[in-house]
Amino acid sequence: MPFRDQLLAVAIVCVWALNMIAIKLGVAEIPPVLTTALRFMVVSLLVVPFTRITWRQLPGVMLVSVTFGSIHFGMLFAALEHAEAGTSSVIIQIGAPIATLLACLWLREPLGAVRMLGLVISVAGIALLAMGPTMPPPIGLALLVMSATGWAITNLVVKQVPGISPMAMMGWSSLFSVPQLLLASWLLEGERWGMVATAGWNGWVSVFYSAIGSSILAYGGWYWLLRRHSVSAVVPYSMLNPPLTVLFGIVLIGDDPSPAKIAGTLVMVAGVALILRKPAVSLPDTA
């Protein structure tokens, strides 16, 4: 890729890494599932008026609104109430091994020795994280694994939706996820909705940064790069996300710089990089 496009790829990954920090700060002021609903409300308002989908595409878009909007993002935001941003960014990478296994089982894609090695190394990275003090409690870990699974399933669903543009998928799946998330938030967080009235800068910056910066601008730039260059030239840049999130978490919000976290991050990134040598997934990072 030209140097300009390389800089754009790095800038996009930095936006995603900072998004994890913004979410971590934001869910302290607005309940996490409600924050997710507000994020997708903003995305749908800005994208849906300029995109269209067909009746044939509607079932796939509805399914993505559940797997990507409600399950992946809803549980990721909820997990960040209980886990560090950097550690969460590393654990969520387990979505790539899960997507690979699901593709082998569902789409009958071959696994291969290199990707199998990547799976083993990825699990080793999680094991290293578990040895350190920053491993989230069971509820946080469970939410992150479910979030990663939602992302993995989404990759397989997107492959089956005929002829839809990435922005249309983003906008309409966001629109359909809003009522799901509002209902879940009312059931699980209803007594905390009053926090919206007292939310400060962190809460609202989190909503708008996630919606406009991470979803619309960063994903739009990423898809622009994918149209101009091969997947193998673009996707490896997403591997910068976990180490950058760990770095930003340590520098900006005082996350614990434990050796186990650093080692686990590097091992997990190495494992996912091996898995993506023959890309089995079509979506970039999850933030």
Protein backbone atom coordinates (compact mmCIF):
# COMPACT_ATOMS: atom_id res chain seq x y z
CA MET A 1 0.00 0.00 0.00
CA PRO A 2 1.14 3.60 -0.51
CA PHE A 3 2.50 5.29 2.61
CA ARG A 4 -0.61 7.51 2.80
CA ASP A 5 -2.89 4.48 2.97
CA GLN A 6 -0.63 2.82 5.54
CA LEU A 7 -0.97 5.92 7.73
CA LEU A 8 -4.74 5.79 7.31
CA ALA A 9 -4.81 2.13 8.38
CA VAL A 10 -2.77 2.91 11.50
CA ALA A 11 -4.97 5.93 12.29
CA ILE A 12 -8.11 3.80 12.02
CA VAL A 13 -6.70 1.21 14.39
CA CYS A 14 -5.78 3.99 16.83
CA VAL A 15 -9.40 5.21 16.68
CA TRP A 16 -10.62 1.71 17.55
CA ALA A 17 -8.08 1.36 20.37
CA LEU A 18 -9.11 4.69 21.87
CA ASN A 19 -12.74 3.64 21.51
CA MET A 20 -12.19 0.93 24.12
CA ILE A 21 -10.88 3.59 26.50
CA ALA A 22 -13.83 5.86 25.75
CA ILE A 23 -16.30 3.03 26.39
CA LYS A 24 -14.59 2.11 29.66
CA LEU A 25 -14.94 5.70 30.88
CA GLY A 26 -18.44 6.12 29.46
CA VAL A 27 -20.10 3.10 31.09
CA ALA A 28 -19.17 4.53 34.47
CA GLU A 29 -21.67 7.36 33.81
CA ILE A 30 -24.36 5.74 31.61
CA PRO A 31 -25.47 2.09 32.01
CA PRO A 32 -23.59 -0.03 29.45
CA VAL A 33 -26.49 -1.56 27.52
CA LEU A 34 -28.18 1.83 27.36
CA THR A 35 -24.89 3.33 26.12
CA THR A 36 -24.86 0.72 23.36
CA ALA A 37 -28.44 1.58 22.39
CA LEU A 38 -27.61 5.28 22.24
CA ARG A 39 -24.55 4.55 20.09
CA PHE A 40 -26.60 2.64 17.53
CA MET A 41 -29.35 5.24 17.63
CA VAL A 42 -26.82 7.87 16.52
CA VAL A 43 -25.37 5.56 13.83
CA SER A 44 -28.79 4.75 12.38
CA LEU A 45 -29.88 8.38 12.33
CA LEU A 46 -26.76 9.36 10.38
CA VAL A 47 -26.56 6.39 7.99
CA VAL A 48 -30.04 4.94 7.29
CA PRO A 49 -31.39 8.01 5.39
CA PHE A 50 -28.61 7.58 2.82
CA THR A 51 -28.76 3.80 2.31
CA ARG A 52 -31.27 1.21 1.15
CA ILE A 53 -31.77 -2.52 1.63
CA THR A 54 -34.00 -5.00 -0.19
CA TRP A 55 -36.60 -7.40 1.21
CA ARG A 56 -34.23 -10.23 0.32
CA GLN A 57 -31.49 -8.69 2.47
CA LEU A 58 -33.79 -7.92 5.41
CA PRO A 59 -33.58 -11.31 7.23
CA GLY A 60 -29.77 -11.23 7.21
CA VAL A 61 -29.69 -7.62 8.41
CA MET A 62 -32.13 -8.47 11.22
CA LEU A 63 -29.94 -11.40 12.28
CA VAL A 64 -26.84 -9.19 12.27
CA SER A 65 -28.69 -6.68 14.45
CA VAL A 66 -28.93 -9.44 17.06
CA THR A 67 -25.49 -11.05 16.73
CA PHE A 68 -23.44 -7.90 16.14
CA GLY A 69 -25.50 -5.16 17.74
CA SER A 70 -27.12 -6.76 20.77
CA ILE A 71 -24.83 -9.70 21.54
CA HIS A 72 -21.39 -8.47 20.46
CA PHE A 73 -21.56 -4.79 21.38
CA GLY A 74 -24.12 -5.05 24.18
CA MET A 75 -22.06 -7.65 26.02
CA LEU A 76 -18.76 -5.91 25.24
CA PHE A 77 -20.01 -2.67 26.79
CA ALA A 78 -21.39 -4.59 29.77
CA ALA A 79 -18.08 -6.45 30.22
CA LEU A 80 -16.17 -3.18 30.39
CA GLU A 81 -17.91 -2.42 33.68
CA HIS A 82 -16.01 -5.38 35.13
CA ALA A 83 -12.75 -5.54 33.13
CA GLU A 84 -9.83 -3.40 32.05
CA ALA A 85 -9.98 -1.91 28.56
CA GLY A 86 -6.63 -3.37 27.49
CA THR A 87 -7.30 -6.86 28.82
CA SER A 88 -10.76 -6.82 27.24
CA SER A 89 -9.29 -5.85 23.88
CA VAL A 90 -6.98 -8.87 24.02
CA ILE A 91 -9.62 -11.37 25.16
CA ILE A 92 -12.09 -10.21 22.51
CA GLN A 93 -9.58 -11.34 19.86
CA ILE A 94 -10.71 -14.88 20.65
CA GLY A 95 -13.47 -14.07 18.18
CA ALA A 96 -11.06 -14.84 15.32
CA PRO A 97 -10.37 -18.43 16.48
CA ILE A 98 -14.10 -18.92 17.13
CA ALA A 99 -14.94 -17.61 13.65
CA THR A 100 -12.37 -19.95 12.14
CA LEU A 101 -13.80 -22.98 13.92
CA LEU A 102 -17.36 -22.03 12.97
CA ALA A 103 -16.32 -21.54 9.34
CA CYS A 104 -14.80 -25.03 9.35
CA LEU A 105 -17.93 -26.58 10.85
CA TRP A 106 -20.59 -24.52 9.07
CA LEU A 107 -19.04 -23.56 5.73
CA ARG A 108 -16.72 -26.57 5.50
CA GLU A 109 -13.67 -24.31 5.08
CA PRO A 110 -10.35 -26.15 5.51
CA LEU A 111 -8.45 -25.39 8.72
CA GLY A 112 -4.85 -26.17 7.79
CA ALA A 113 -1.79 -26.62 9.96
CA VAL A 114 -0.87 -22.91 10.17
CA ARG A 115 -4.29 -21.80 11.32
CA MET A 116 -4.49 -24.71 13.77
CA LEU A 117 -1.19 -23.50 15.23
CA GLY A 118 -2.68 -20.02 15.46
CA LEU A 119 -5.64 -21.39 17.42
CA VAL A 120 -3.33 -23.10 19.90
CA ILE A 121 -1.19 -19.99 20.32
CA SER A 122 -4.29 -17.81 20.83
CA VAL A 123 -5.48 -20.06 23.66
CA ALA A 124 -1.97 -19.88 25.15
CA GLY A 125 -2.27 -16.08 25.14
CA ILE A 126 -5.50 -16.28 27.16
CA ALA A 127 -3.77 -18.69 29.56
CA LEU A 128 -0.97 -16.16 30.10
CA LEU A 129 -3.50 -13.43 30.81
CA ALA A 130 -5.16 -15.70 33.37
CA MET A 131 -1.89 -15.85 35.28
CA GLY A 132 -1.85 -12.09 35.83
CA PRO A 133 -3.80 -9.73 38.09
CA THR A 134 -5.76 -8.09 35.25
CA MET A 135 -7.81 -11.14 34.26
CA PRO A 136 -11.47 -10.08 34.63
CA PRO A 137 -13.79 -11.79 37.11
CA PRO A 138 -15.92 -14.70 35.82
CA ILE A 139 -18.86 -12.47 34.84
CA GLY A 140 -16.61 -10.14 32.85
CA LEU A 141 -14.82 -13.03 31.15
CA ALA A 142 -18.13 -14.74 30.28
CA LEU A 143 -19.48 -11.52 28.75
CA LEU A 144 -16.32 -11.06 26.68
CA VAL A 145 -16.42 -14.64 25.37
CA MET A 146 -20.11 -14.29 24.46
CA SER A 147 -19.34 -10.95 22.80
CA ALA A 148 -16.53 -12.54 20.77
CA THR A 149 -18.86 -15.39 19.79
CA GLY A 150 -21.46 -12.89 18.57
CA TRP A 151 -18.79 -11.24 16.41
CA ALA A 152 -17.70 -14.62 15.04
CA ILE A 153 -21.25 -15.62 14.09
CA THR A 154 -21.76 -12.24 12.46
CA ASN A 155 -18.88 -12.91 10.08
CA LEU A 156 -20.58 -16.05 8.83
CA VAL A 157 -23.97 -14.36 8.52
CA VAL A 158 -22.55 -11.43 6.52
CA LYS A 159 -21.11 -13.89 3.99
CA GLN A 160 -24.66 -15.10 3.28
CA VAL A 161 -26.35 -11.69 2.79
CA PRO A 162 -26.54 -10.97 -0.96
CA GLY A 163 -25.12 -7.76 -2.40
CA ILE A 164 -25.38 -5.38 0.54
CA SER A 165 -22.96 -2.50 1.03
CA PRO A 166 -21.04 -2.30 4.32
CA MET A 167 -22.56 1.08 5.20
CA ALA A 168 -26.09 -0.16 4.54
CA MET A 169 -25.45 -3.18 6.74
CA MET A 170 -24.05 -0.94 9.46
CA GLY A 171 -26.89 1.58 9.37
CA TRP A 172 -29.87 -0.77 9.12
CA SER A 173 -28.54 -3.38 11.57
CA SER A 174 -27.94 -0.49 13.99
CA LEU A 175 -31.53 0.68 13.53
CA PHE A 176 -32.96 -2.78 14.25
CA SER A 177 -30.69 -3.31 17.26
CA VAL A 178 -31.92 -0.16 19.06
CA PRO A 179 -35.30 -1.55 20.29
CA GLN A 180 -33.63 -4.82 21.33
CA LEU A 181 -31.03 -2.98 23.38
CA LEU A 182 -33.53 -0.54 24.89
CA LEU A 183 -35.71 -3.45 26.02
CA ALA A 184 -32.71 -5.31 27.48
CA SER A 185 -31.55 -2.14 29.23
CA TRP A 186 -35.02 -1.49 30.66
CA LEU A 187 -35.18 -5.03 32.02
CA LEU A 188 -31.61 -5.12 33.38
CA GLU A 189 -30.76 -1.48 34.08
CA GLY A 190 -34.12 0.29 34.35
CA GLU A 191 -33.46 1.53 37.86
CA ARG A 192 -30.25 3.18 36.60
CA TRP A 193 -31.70 5.13 33.67
CA GLY A 194 -31.66 8.23 35.84
CA MET A 195 -27.87 8.26 35.39
CA VAL A 196 -28.44 9.74 31.91
CA ALA A 197 -29.61 13.01 33.46
CA THR A 198 -26.41 13.34 35.49
CA ALA A 199 -23.96 11.95 32.92
CA GLY A 200 -20.92 14.12 32.28
CA TRP A 201 -18.48 14.49 29.41
CA ASN A 202 -17.17 10.93 29.63
CA GLY A 203 -20.60 9.40 29.15
CA TRP A 204 -21.68 11.48 26.16
CA VAL A 205 -18.26 11.58 24.50
CA SER A 206 -18.28 7.78 24.71
CA VAL A 207 -21.63 7.59 22.88
CA PHE A 208 -20.73 10.00 20.08
CA TYR A 209 -17.12 8.90 19.71
CA SER A 210 -18.21 5.26 19.40
CA ALA A 211 -20.96 6.13 16.92
CA ILE A 212 -19.24 8.68 14.70
CA GLY A 213 -15.53 8.04 15.22
CA SER A 214 -15.41 4.27 15.57
CA SER A 215 -18.45 3.12 13.60
CA ILE A 216 -18.94 5.59 10.76
CA LEU A 217 -15.56 7.22 10.12
CA ALA A 218 -13.22 4.36 11.07
CA TYR A 219 -15.27 1.57 9.49
CA GLY A 220 -15.91 3.75 6.44
CA GLY A 221 -12.16 4.30 6.05
CA TRP A 222 -11.47 0.61 6.58
CA TYR A 223 -13.90 -0.45 3.87
CA TRP A 224 -12.41 2.20 1.56
CA LEU A 225 -8.99 0.60 2.09
CA LEU A 226 -10.42 -2.87 1.43
CA ARG A 227 -11.84 -1.66 -1.88
CA ARG A 228 -8.45 -0.30 -2.97
CA HIS A 229 -6.16 -3.05 -1.65
CA SER A 230 -6.18 -6.78 -1.03
CA VAL A 231 -7.54 -8.14 2.23
CA SER A 232 -4.10 -9.57 3.04
CA ALA A 233 -2.60 -6.07 2.77
CA VAL A 234 -5.17 -4.39 5.03
CA VAL A 235 -6.32 -6.88 7.68
CA PRO A 236 -2.91 -7.34 9.39
CA TYR A 237 -3.07 -3.73 10.59
CA SER A 238 -5.99 -4.72 12.85
CA MET A 239 -3.46 -6.74 14.86
CA LEU A 240 -2.17 -3.43 16.22
CA ASN A 241 -5.44 -2.89 18.08
CA PRO A 242 -4.82 -5.01 21.23
CA PRO A 243 -1.28 -3.72 21.96
CA LEU A 244 -2.38 -0.14 21.26
CA THR A 245 -5.38 -0.51 23.57
CA VAL A 246 -3.15 -1.96 26.28
CA LEU A 247 -0.71 0.96 25.81
CA PHE A 248 -3.47 3.61 25.84
CA GLY A 249 -5.05 1.97 28.88
CA ILE A 250 -1.78 2.11 30.80
CA VAL A 251 -0.93 5.68 29.76
CA LEU A 252 -4.37 7.32 29.78
CA ILE A 253 -6.41 5.63 32.52
CA GLY A 254 -3.82 3.90 34.67
CA ASP A 255 -4.39 0.25 33.73
CA ASP A 256 -2.04 -2.26 35.36
CA PRO A 257 1.10 -2.82 33.20
CA SER A 258 1.61 -6.37 34.46
CA PRO A 259 4.13 -8.64 32.67
CA ALA A 260 1.44 -11.33 32.28
CA LYS A 261 -0.79 -8.88 30.40
CA ILE A 262 2.03 -7.77 28.08
CA ALA A 263 3.09 -11.36 27.39
CA GLY A 264 -0.48 -12.56 26.89
CA THR A 265 -1.17 -9.70 24.49
CA LEU A 266 1.86 -10.48 22.32
CA VAL A 267 1.11 -14.22 22.25
CA MET A 268 -2.58 -13.67 21.42
CA VAL A 269 -1.72 -11.24 18.62
CA ALA A 270 0.78 -13.74 17.18
CA GLY A 271 -1.84 -16.49 17.23
CA VAL A 272 -4.54 -14.37 15.57
CA ALA A 273 -2.02 -13.18 12.96
CA LEU A 274 -1.40 -16.80 11.98
CA ILE A 275 -5.15 -17.44 11.75
CA LEU A 276 -5.58 -14.41 9.48
CA ARG A 277 -2.80 -15.44 7.10
CA LYS A 278 -5.62 -17.00 5.10
CA PRO A 279 -8.45 -14.70 6.19
CA ALA A 280 -11.48 -16.55 7.41
CA VAL A 281 -13.30 -13.42 8.51
CA SER A 282 -14.58 -10.39 6.65
CA LEU A 283 -15.12 -7.84 9.40
CA PRO A 284 -12.26 -5.85 10.96
CA ASP A 285 -11.89 -5.16 14.65
CA THR A 286 -14.80 -5.25 17.02
CA ALA A 287 -14.79 -1.83 18.58
